[in-house]
Protein backbone atom coordinates (compact mmCIF):
# COMPACT_ATOMS: atom_id res chain seq x y z
CA MET A 1 -14.44 22.50 19.15
CA ALA A 2 -13.96 20.09 16.29
CA PRO A 3 -15.37 20.87 12.88
CA PRO A 4 -18.73 19.48 12.02
CA THR A 5 -18.95 16.32 10.01
CA ALA A 6 -20.84 15.75 6.86
CA SER A 7 -24.54 15.54 6.90
CA ARG A 8 -25.88 12.18 5.99
CA GLY A 9 -28.26 13.45 3.39
CA PRO A 10 -29.05 11.35 0.36
CA VAL A 11 -26.14 10.75 -1.98
CA ASP A 12 -26.74 10.04 -5.65
CA LYS A 13 -26.05 6.37 -6.36
CA ARG A 14 -24.41 7.27 -9.64
CA ASP A 15 -21.90 9.44 -7.76
CA VAL A 16 -21.18 6.58 -5.37
CA ARG A 17 -20.58 4.14 -8.23
CA LEU A 18 -18.29 6.65 -9.92
CA VAL A 19 -16.35 7.19 -6.69
CA VAL A 20 -15.90 3.45 -6.19
CA ALA A 21 -14.80 2.96 -9.80
CA SER A 22 -12.42 5.90 -9.58
CA SER A 23 -10.91 4.68 -6.29
CA VAL A 24 -10.41 1.12 -7.49
CA LEU A 25 -9.02 2.06 -10.90
CA GLY A 26 -6.85 4.83 -9.51
CA THR A 27 -5.22 2.74 -6.80
CA THR A 28 -4.81 -0.12 -9.29
CA VAL A 29 -2.82 2.12 -11.61
CA GLU A 30 -0.76 3.56 -8.77
CA TRP A 31 0.08 0.17 -7.25
CA TYR A 32 0.74 -1.39 -10.66
CA ASP A 33 3.32 1.30 -11.28
CA PHE A 34 4.80 1.11 -7.79
CA PHE A 35 5.11 -2.68 -7.65
CA LEU A 36 6.55 -2.99 -11.12
CA TYR A 37 9.66 -1.50 -9.59
CA GLY A 38 9.64 -4.03 -6.75
CA THR A 39 9.39 -6.96 -9.15
CA ALA A 40 12.00 -5.51 -11.50
CA ALA A 41 14.33 -4.81 -8.57
CA GLY A 42 14.70 -8.52 -7.90
CA LEU A 43 14.79 -9.66 -11.53
CA VAL A 44 16.23 -6.90 -13.73
CA PHE A 45 17.62 -3.81 -11.99
CA ASN A 46 20.16 -5.75 -9.94
CA LYS A 47 21.73 -6.91 -13.23
CA LEU A 48 21.34 -3.83 -15.47
CA TYR A 49 21.75 -0.90 -13.08
CA PHE A 50 23.68 -2.27 -10.09
CA PRO A 51 26.12 -4.78 -11.59
CA SER A 52 28.37 -6.59 -9.13
CA GLY A 53 30.48 -9.71 -9.01
CA ASP A 54 28.36 -10.90 -6.07
CA PRO A 55 24.65 -11.42 -6.95
CA LEU A 56 23.65 -10.74 -3.33
CA VAL A 57 25.36 -7.34 -3.38
CA GLY A 58 23.58 -6.39 -6.60
CA THR A 59 20.24 -7.45 -5.13
CA LEU A 60 20.89 -5.49 -1.92
CA LEU A 61 21.74 -2.33 -3.89
CA SER A 62 18.65 -2.78 -6.04
CA PHE A 63 16.40 -3.22 -3.01
CA ALA A 64 18.01 -0.15 -1.42
CA THR A 65 16.57 1.96 -4.25
CA PHE A 66 13.27 0.13 -3.76
CA ALA A 67 13.36 1.38 -0.15
CA LEU A 68 13.91 4.97 -1.32
CA GLY A 69 10.41 5.01 -2.76
CA PHE A 70 9.04 4.36 0.72
CA ILE A 71 11.23 7.07 2.23
CA ALA A 72 9.72 9.54 -0.24
CA ARG A 73 6.16 8.45 0.54
CA PRO A 74 5.86 10.46 3.80
CA VAL A 75 6.79 13.60 1.84
CA GLY A 76 3.95 12.90 -0.57
CA GLY A 77 1.68 12.02 2.34
CA LEU A 78 2.30 15.33 4.12
CA VAL A 79 2.15 17.49 0.99
CA PHE A 80 -0.94 15.92 -0.53
CA GLY A 81 -2.50 15.25 2.87
CA HIS A 82 -2.30 18.99 3.49
CA ILE A 83 -3.87 19.65 0.08
CA GLY A 84 -6.57 17.06 0.77
CA ASP A 85 -7.53 18.68 4.08
CA ARG A 86 -7.25 22.24 2.79
CA VAL A 87 -8.69 22.18 -0.75
CA GLY A 88 -10.23 18.74 -1.16
CA ARG A 89 -9.60 15.01 -1.62
CA LYS A 90 -10.24 15.01 -5.37
CA LYS A 91 -7.47 17.43 -6.32
CA THR A 92 -4.84 15.24 -4.68
CA LEU A 93 -5.90 12.22 -6.72
CA VAL A 94 -5.55 13.87 -10.13
CA ALA A 95 -2.08 15.21 -9.33
CA THR A 96 -0.72 11.99 -7.85
CA MET A 97 -1.86 9.85 -10.77
CA LEU A 98 -0.20 12.18 -13.26
CA ILE A 99 3.10 12.18 -11.35
CA MET A 100 3.11 8.40 -10.98
CA GLY A 101 2.33 7.77 -14.64
CA LEU A 102 5.07 10.07 -15.92
CA ALA A 103 7.68 8.62 -13.54
CA THR A 104 6.83 5.01 -14.38
CA CYS A 105 6.96 5.55 -18.14
CA ALA A 106 10.27 7.33 -17.75
CA ILE A 107 11.73 4.34 -15.84
CA GLY A 108 10.99 2.23 -18.90
CA LEU A 109 13.21 4.56 -20.94
CA VAL A 110 16.25 4.90 -18.65
CA PRO A 111 19.47 3.62 -20.31
CA THR A 112 21.42 0.93 -18.46
CA TYR A 113 24.66 1.16 -16.49
CA ALA A 114 26.51 -0.24 -19.49
CA ASP A 115 25.20 2.65 -21.63
CA ILE A 116 25.67 5.73 -19.43
CA GLY A 117 27.48 4.51 -16.34
CA VAL A 118 26.62 5.92 -12.93
CA PHE A 119 23.97 8.25 -14.38
CA ALA A 120 21.74 5.20 -14.95
CA PRO A 121 21.21 4.33 -11.26
CA VAL A 122 21.02 8.06 -10.41
CA LEU A 123 18.14 8.55 -12.86
CA LEU A 124 16.48 5.41 -11.55
CA VAL A 125 16.71 6.71 -7.98
CA LEU A 126 15.21 10.10 -8.90
CA LEU A 127 12.28 8.49 -10.70
CA ARG A 128 11.76 6.08 -7.80
CA LEU A 129 11.57 9.08 -5.48
CA ALA A 130 8.89 10.61 -7.73
CA GLN A 131 6.95 7.34 -7.53
CA GLY A 132 7.19 7.45 -3.75
CA VAL A 133 5.85 11.01 -3.57
CA ALA A 134 2.93 10.08 -5.82
CA ILE A 135 1.86 6.94 -3.97
CA GLY A 136 2.35 8.80 -0.68
CA GLY A 137 -0.34 11.27 -1.67
CA GLU A 138 -2.57 8.78 -3.47
CA TRP A 139 -3.58 6.41 -0.69
CA GLY A 140 -5.07 8.89 1.78
CA GLY A 141 -7.18 10.68 -0.80
CA ALA A 142 -8.38 7.50 -2.47
CA VAL A 143 -9.56 5.73 0.67
CA LEU A 144 -11.23 8.85 2.04
CA MET A 145 -13.18 9.31 -1.17
CA ALA A 146 -14.66 5.85 -0.56
CA VAL A 147 -15.03 5.98 3.24
CA GLU A 148 -16.61 9.45 3.32
CA TYR A 149 -19.15 8.44 0.68
CA ALA A 150 -20.07 5.27 2.57
CA PRO A 151 -23.51 4.91 4.20
CA PRO A 152 -23.63 4.28 7.96
CA GLY A 153 -22.50 0.79 8.91
CA ARG A 154 -20.69 0.21 5.59
CA ARG A 155 -17.43 2.12 5.99
CA GLY A 156 -15.42 -1.08 6.22
CA LEU A 157 -16.86 -2.40 2.98
CA TYR A 158 -16.57 0.86 1.05
CA GLY A 159 -13.09 1.55 2.42
CA SER A 160 -11.98 -1.87 1.21
CA PHE A 161 -12.79 -1.09 -2.43
CA PRO A 162 -9.74 1.13 -3.07
CA GLN A 163 -7.69 -1.44 -1.14
CA VAL A 164 -8.56 -3.95 -3.87
CA GLY A 165 -6.41 -1.80 -6.15
CA LEU A 166 -3.36 -3.18 -4.32
CA ALA A 167 -4.26 -6.73 -5.35
CA LEU A 168 -5.21 -5.73 -8.90
CA GLY A 169 -2.02 -3.72 -9.31
CA LEU A 170 0.08 -6.59 -7.98
CA MET A 171 -1.69 -9.10 -10.20
CA LEU A 172 -1.30 -6.92 -13.27
CA GLY A 173 2.33 -6.16 -12.53
CA THR A 174 3.42 -9.76 -11.90
CA GLY A 175 1.12 -10.98 -14.69
CA VAL A 176 2.67 -8.65 -17.25
CA PHE A 177 6.17 -9.65 -16.16
CA ALA A 178 5.25 -13.34 -16.27
CA ALA A 179 3.69 -13.01 -19.74
CA LEU A 180 6.65 -11.06 -21.12
CA SER A 181 9.22 -13.47 -19.69
CA ALA A 182 7.27 -16.42 -21.12
CA ALA A 183 6.86 -14.85 -24.57
CA MET A 184 10.56 -14.15 -25.17
CA SER A 185 13.98 -15.47 -24.36
CA ASP A 186 15.72 -14.53 -21.12
CA SER A 187 18.22 -12.39 -23.01
CA ALA A 188 15.51 -10.48 -24.91
CA PHE A 189 13.50 -9.95 -21.72
CA LEU A 190 16.56 -8.60 -19.91
CA ALA A 191 17.61 -6.46 -22.89
CA TRP A 192 14.31 -4.71 -23.64
CA GLY A 193 11.22 -6.81 -22.88
CA TRP A 194 10.87 -5.64 -19.26
CA ARG A 195 10.52 -2.03 -20.46
CA ILE A 196 7.16 -2.81 -22.07
CA ALA A 197 5.58 -3.33 -18.64
CA PHE A 198 6.58 0.20 -17.56
CA LEU A 199 5.51 1.87 -20.80
CA LEU A 200 2.06 0.24 -20.59
CA SER A 201 1.39 2.49 -17.61
CA ALA A 202 0.62 5.35 -19.99
CA VAL A 203 -2.57 3.61 -21.15
CA LEU A 204 -3.76 2.89 -17.62
CA VAL A 205 -3.07 6.45 -16.48
CA LEU A 206 -5.02 7.92 -19.38
CA VAL A 207 -8.12 5.85 -18.55
CA GLY A 208 -7.79 6.61 -14.84
CA MET A 209 -7.50 10.36 -15.39
CA VAL A 210 -10.66 10.45 -17.50
CA ILE A 211 -12.68 8.81 -14.71
CA ARG A 212 -11.13 10.79 -11.86
CA LEU A 213 -11.89 14.14 -13.42
CA LYS A 214 -15.61 13.29 -13.28
CA VAL A 215 -15.70 12.57 -9.53
CA MET A 216 -17.36 15.01 -7.11
CA GLU A 217 -15.75 16.02 -3.81
CA THR A 218 -16.78 13.95 -0.76
CA PRO A 219 -19.88 14.95 1.28
CA ALA A 220 -17.75 15.22 4.43
CA PHE A 221 -15.35 17.73 2.92
CA ARG A 222 -18.12 19.71 1.22
CA LYS A 223 -19.81 20.10 4.58
CA LEU A 224 -16.52 21.22 6.08
CA GLN A 225 -16.19 23.90 3.39
CA GLU A 226 -19.76 25.10 3.94
CA HIS A 227 -18.91 25.86 7.56
CA GLU A 228 -15.47 27.26 6.62
CA ARG A 229 -13.83 24.96 9.16
CA GLU A 230 -10.90 23.60 7.17
CA SER A 231 -7.73 23.46 9.23
CA SER A 232 -5.20 26.09 8.16
CA VAL A 233 -2.24 23.82 8.98
CA PRO A 234 -3.59 20.27 9.44
CA VAL A 235 -0.33 18.74 10.64
CA VAL A 236 -0.12 21.31 13.46
CA ALA A 237 -3.73 20.68 14.48
CA LEU A 238 -2.96 16.97 14.45
CA ALA A 239 0.07 17.42 16.71
CA ARG A 240 -1.81 19.57 19.23
CA ASP A 241 -4.53 17.00 19.94
CA ARG A 242 -3.52 14.40 22.55
CA THR A 243 -5.76 11.63 21.24
CA SER A 244 -4.64 12.20 17.65
CA ARG A 245 -0.99 12.01 18.70
CA ARG A 246 -1.69 8.72 20.44
CA HIS A 247 -3.49 7.39 17.38
CA VAL A 248 -0.60 8.34 15.12
CA LEU A 249 1.83 6.25 17.17
CA LEU A 250 -0.50 3.29 17.67
CA GLY A 251 -1.59 3.36 14.04
CA MET A 252 2.02 3.27 12.85
CA GLY A 253 2.81 0.39 15.20
CA SER A 254 -0.27 -1.57 14.17
CA ARG A 255 0.76 -1.35 10.53
CA LEU A 256 4.18 -2.92 11.09
CA THR A 257 3.25 -6.52 10.28
CA GLU A 258 0.90 -5.52 7.43
CA GLY A 259 3.66 -3.72 5.55
CA ILE A 260 6.32 -6.33 6.31
CA ALA A 261 4.10 -9.28 5.40
CA PHE A 262 3.07 -7.88 2.04
CA ASN A 263 6.60 -7.06 0.94
CA ALA A 264 7.92 -10.34 2.29
CA TRP A 265 5.55 -12.44 0.19
CA ALA A 266 4.88 -10.23 -2.84
CA VAL A 267 8.40 -8.87 -3.38
CA PHE A 268 11.08 -10.63 -1.33
CA ALA A 269 9.79 -14.17 -1.94
CA ILE A 270 10.48 -13.80 -5.68
CA ALA A 271 14.05 -12.61 -5.13
CA TYR A 272 14.65 -15.28 -2.44
CA GLY A 273 13.35 -18.06 -4.65
CA THR A 274 15.31 -17.04 -7.76
CA GLY A 275 18.48 -15.78 -6.06
CA THR A 276 19.02 -17.93 -2.97
CA LEU A 277 17.16 -21.09 -3.94
CA GLY A 278 17.97 -20.96 -7.66
CA MET A 279 14.36 -21.44 -8.79
CA PRO A 280 13.05 -20.23 -12.17
CA GLU A 281 11.13 -16.96 -11.92
CA GLN A 282 8.02 -18.11 -13.79
CA PRO A 283 6.48 -20.37 -11.07
CA LEU A 284 7.08 -17.69 -8.41
CA LEU A 285 5.47 -14.94 -10.48
CA ILE A 286 2.47 -17.17 -11.17
CA ALA A 287 2.17 -18.05 -7.46
CA VAL A 288 2.17 -14.37 -6.46
CA MET A 289 -0.31 -13.57 -9.22
CA ALA A 290 -2.63 -16.35 -7.97
CA ALA A 291 -2.40 -14.98 -4.42
CA ALA A 292 -3.26 -11.50 -5.71
CA ALA A 293 -6.30 -12.87 -7.57
CA VAL A 294 -7.59 -14.52 -4.38
CA MET A 295 -6.87 -11.32 -2.46
CA ILE A 296 -9.32 -9.45 -4.70
CA VAL A 297 -12.15 -11.51 -3.22
CA PHE A 298 -11.03 -11.52 0.41
CA ILE A 299 -10.20 -7.81 0.82
CA PRO A 300 -13.85 -6.64 0.51
CA LEU A 301 -15.01 -9.73 2.42
CA PHE A 302 -12.93 -8.81 5.45
CA GLY A 303 -13.87 -5.15 5.00
CA ARG A 304 -17.51 -6.14 5.33
CA LEU A 305 -16.78 -8.44 8.26
CA SER A 306 -15.13 -5.53 10.06
CA ASP A 307 -18.45 -3.65 9.82
CA ARG A 308 -20.07 -6.51 11.67
CA PHE A 309 -17.41 -7.74 14.10
CA GLY A 310 -15.25 -4.64 14.55
CA ARG A 311 -12.09 -3.30 12.94
CA ARG A 312 -9.70 -4.22 15.74
CA ARG A 313 -10.84 -7.80 16.03
CA THR A 314 -10.65 -8.40 12.29
CA PHE A 315 -7.29 -6.64 11.93
CA VAL A 316 -5.63 -8.46 14.83
CA SER A 317 -6.93 -11.82 13.61
CA GLY A 318 -5.26 -11.17 10.26
CA ALA A 319 -1.99 -10.15 11.90
CA VAL A 320 -1.85 -13.31 14.01
CA ALA A 321 -2.76 -15.55 11.06
CA THR A 322 -0.10 -13.95 8.85
CA GLY A 323 2.61 -14.40 11.49
CA THR A 324 1.59 -17.99 12.14
CA LEU A 325 1.86 -18.90 8.45
CA ALA A 326 5.40 -17.49 8.05
CA LEU A 327 7.24 -20.72 8.89
CA PRO A 328 5.17 -23.11 6.74
CA THR A 329 5.33 -20.68 3.79
CA PHE A 330 9.13 -20.51 3.87
CA ALA A 331 9.24 -24.27 4.28
CA ALA A 332 7.14 -24.60 1.11
CA LEU A 333 9.52 -22.29 -0.75
CA GLY A 334 12.42 -24.47 0.38
CA MET A 335 10.79 -27.58 -1.04
CA GLY A 336 10.64 -25.98 -4.47
CA ASP A 337 7.35 -27.56 -5.56
CA PRO A 338 5.39 -24.97 -7.63
CA LEU A 339 1.96 -26.22 -6.53
CA LEU A 340 2.92 -26.23 -2.86
CA ILE A 341 4.43 -22.77 -3.15
CA THR A 342 1.27 -21.45 -4.80
CA VAL A 343 -0.96 -22.92 -2.07
CA ALA A 344 1.26 -21.44 0.66
CA LEU A 345 1.37 -17.96 -0.89
CA VAL A 346 -2.37 -17.98 -1.51
CA ALA A 347 -2.95 -18.84 2.15
CA VAL A 348 -0.67 -16.19 3.63
CA LEU A 349 -0.95 -13.40 1.04
CA GLY A 350 -4.32 -14.11 -0.56
CA ILE A 351 -6.37 -14.98 2.55
CA ALA A 352 -4.64 -14.07 5.84
CA TYR A 353 -3.20 -10.72 4.75
CA PRO A 354 -6.57 -9.27 3.54
CA ALA A 355 -7.93 -9.62 7.08
CA MET A 356 -5.59 -6.72 7.92
CA TYR A 357 -5.73 -4.83 4.66
CA GLY A 358 -9.50 -5.03 4.10
CA PRO A 359 -10.59 -3.06 7.19
CA GLN A 360 -7.47 -0.89 7.31
CA ALA A 361 -8.86 2.13 5.43
CA ALA A 362 -11.94 2.47 7.64
CA PHE A 363 -9.94 1.58 10.77
CA TYR A 364 -7.38 4.35 10.22
CA SER A 365 -9.97 6.85 8.97
CA GLU A 366 -11.81 6.55 12.27
CA LEU A 367 -8.67 7.52 14.17
CA PHE A 368 -8.97 11.19 13.13
CA PRO A 369 -11.63 13.94 12.78
CA THR A 370 -12.62 15.20 9.33
CA HIS A 371 -10.54 18.39 9.28
CA VAL A 372 -7.21 16.54 9.74
CA ARG A 373 -8.21 13.10 8.51
CA CYS A 374 -6.34 13.11 5.19
CA THR A 375 -3.15 14.30 6.87
CA GLY A 376 -3.61 11.88 9.77
CA ILE A 377 -4.12 8.68 7.83
CA SER A 378 -1.45 9.65 5.28
CA PHE A 379 1.02 10.25 8.10
CA VAL A 380 0.24 6.91 9.74
CA TYR A 381 0.33 4.90 6.54
CA GLN A 382 3.30 6.53 4.84
CA PHE A 383 5.68 7.13 7.75
CA SER A 384 5.17 3.59 8.99
CA GLY A 385 5.82 2.44 5.43
CA ILE A 386 9.49 3.43 5.73
CA PHE A 387 10.30 0.73 8.27
CA ALA A 388 7.24 -1.50 7.73
CA SER A 389 7.58 -1.80 3.95
CA GLY A 390 10.46 0.01 2.32
CA PHE A 391 13.31 -1.68 4.15
CA THR A 392 11.67 -5.10 4.30
CA PRO A 393 13.28 -6.69 1.22
CA LEU A 394 16.65 -5.20 2.24
CA VAL A 395 16.33 -6.39 5.86
CA LEU A 396 15.13 -9.85 4.88
CA SER A 397 17.91 -10.24 2.31
CA SER A 398 20.43 -9.29 5.01
CA LEU A 399 18.92 -11.79 7.46
CA VAL A 400 19.12 -14.53 4.86
CA GLY A 401 22.77 -13.65 4.28
CA ALA A 402 23.47 -13.69 8.04
CA ALA A 403 21.82 -17.13 8.29
CA GLY A 404 23.88 -18.54 5.43
CA GLY A 405 20.90 -18.77 3.09
CA GLY A 406 18.45 -20.02 5.71
CA TYR A 407 15.11 -18.42 6.60
CA GLN A 408 15.07 -18.90 10.38
CA LEU A 409 15.96 -15.29 11.21
CA VAL A 410 13.39 -14.04 8.72
CA VAL A 411 10.64 -16.04 10.43
CA LEU A 412 11.62 -14.65 13.84
CA TYR A 413 11.50 -11.13 12.41
CA LEU A 414 8.00 -11.68 11.00
CA VAL A 415 6.70 -13.14 14.26
CA ALA A 416 8.14 -10.24 16.29
CA ALA A 417 6.45 -7.76 13.95
CA THR A 418 3.15 -9.57 14.43
CA ALA A 419 3.39 -9.22 18.22
CA VAL A 420 4.05 -5.47 17.99
CA SER A 421 1.19 -4.86 15.56
CA ALA A 422 -1.34 -6.87 17.53
CA ALA A 423 -0.44 -5.05 20.77
CA CYS A 424 -0.73 -1.60 19.15
CA ALA A 425 -4.05 -2.39 17.46
CA LEU A 426 -5.53 -3.69 20.74
CA ALA A 427 -4.37 -0.52 22.53
CA ILE A 428 -6.58 1.65 20.28
CA ARG A 429 -9.66 2.32 22.42
CA ARG A 430 -13.10 2.03 20.83
CA ARG A 431 -14.35 5.12 22.66
CA ASP A 432 -11.67 7.28 21.01
CA LEU A 433 -12.66 6.47 17.42
CA TRP A 434 -14.37 9.07 15.26
CA SER A 435 -17.47 8.13 13.29
CA ASP A 436 -20.45 9.89 11.80
CA GLU A 437 -22.83 7.89 13.96
CA GLU A 438 -21.08 9.00 17.15
CA ARG A 439 -21.21 12.63 16.09
CA ALA A 440 -24.90 12.33 15.27
CA THR A 441 -25.65 11.21 18.82
CA GLY A 442 -23.38 13.79 20.38
CA ALA A 443 -21.11 11.22 22.00
CA GLN A 444 -17.98 12.70 20.46
CA THR A 445 -18.86 16.20 21.63
CA LEU A 446 -19.24 14.95 25.18
CA ARG A 447 -15.82 13.31 25.04
CA GLU A 448 -14.25 16.54 23.77
CA ALA A 449 -15.86 18.53 26.55
CA ALA A 450 -14.53 16.06 29.12
CA GLN A 451 -11.00 16.55 27.81
């Protein structure tokens, strides 16, 4: 018998506002830190830490370390997912923010290859791994704090609030890089200016920690503790349940195009424009920042629409739209017009992508019961992130090289990912989803008895 869910008793509005603020600010800080590395990988690290006579080789090596952060994320997802299901969602969030903040500040202090030789990239790799562990544990706890506080019929909207942190973190990260590169010469920016962006993380982490320490545990987990029904080993309980195993695989497949699309347009597009096309970095950073600003509006919009029209329908619509816009977006990059590039990136990253990312937190939360939910959604999101996100800039750079600088193979790759994600999302059956409303009516209990 599955553990009972939370009662839907009245929740103090002040607690809800604090949870929302904590989730948004916390994920903003975490994603700001994480994506600083992605931006720096294409602009700075390939020159200072992975020097090579061939610019493409330096970029590939730099993006390889970018991918390591995603490889470490499942470790953080399992460790902190276990903590979240055993001792509470809140405790995971305080620990992950502290780890991320320390690692990011330390990256801003690492000497270059010219200073200490091979130890420079080694230190960078170790700190990137720490970032990966932190963000791996952050996402599951943050979205569950919001989803499990949500009133009935509003999980999509509430779950989208921490997702906004992705857009805010991206906007802050690219905005800081754009401002620093505009305020100083290229040589000064490369020599020391980029480090300021990483050291600024200390301020954001301090503010985030103050707010997070005030947050109460979620009603769902408190109810679980009252009945002493926490899972002793959540990952084992997850593996034993047939429906949960199916949801893990389908959830990972559905996320393929979401992870690839984001890293294609928010990370790879900058490196492709500056490296392959020879464009200045400033217009590309501004275009990505504009797309992130628009994303802030559309993520909660699509989260709310998923409450009304369904998670699957909203998610699949976003996947199809993102895949369809791949070719015209690359064509706009090839033309080199800053305004056209901004419009294209706003369309694909600012509007189409949020249709997947907005409802994602509630969609994946409903795949698993309360006692293994943190482990389940962390597993889905972080393990899929290895191939859906971490290797994307590396794979796309390789495809561009194989095509002699063209983007045709990249477009085919994005379209294929869209087809896989749409098929997996559609294969998730509505009757297998877990929700408080279903438990209240006893529908879930009947399904468990039938199994």
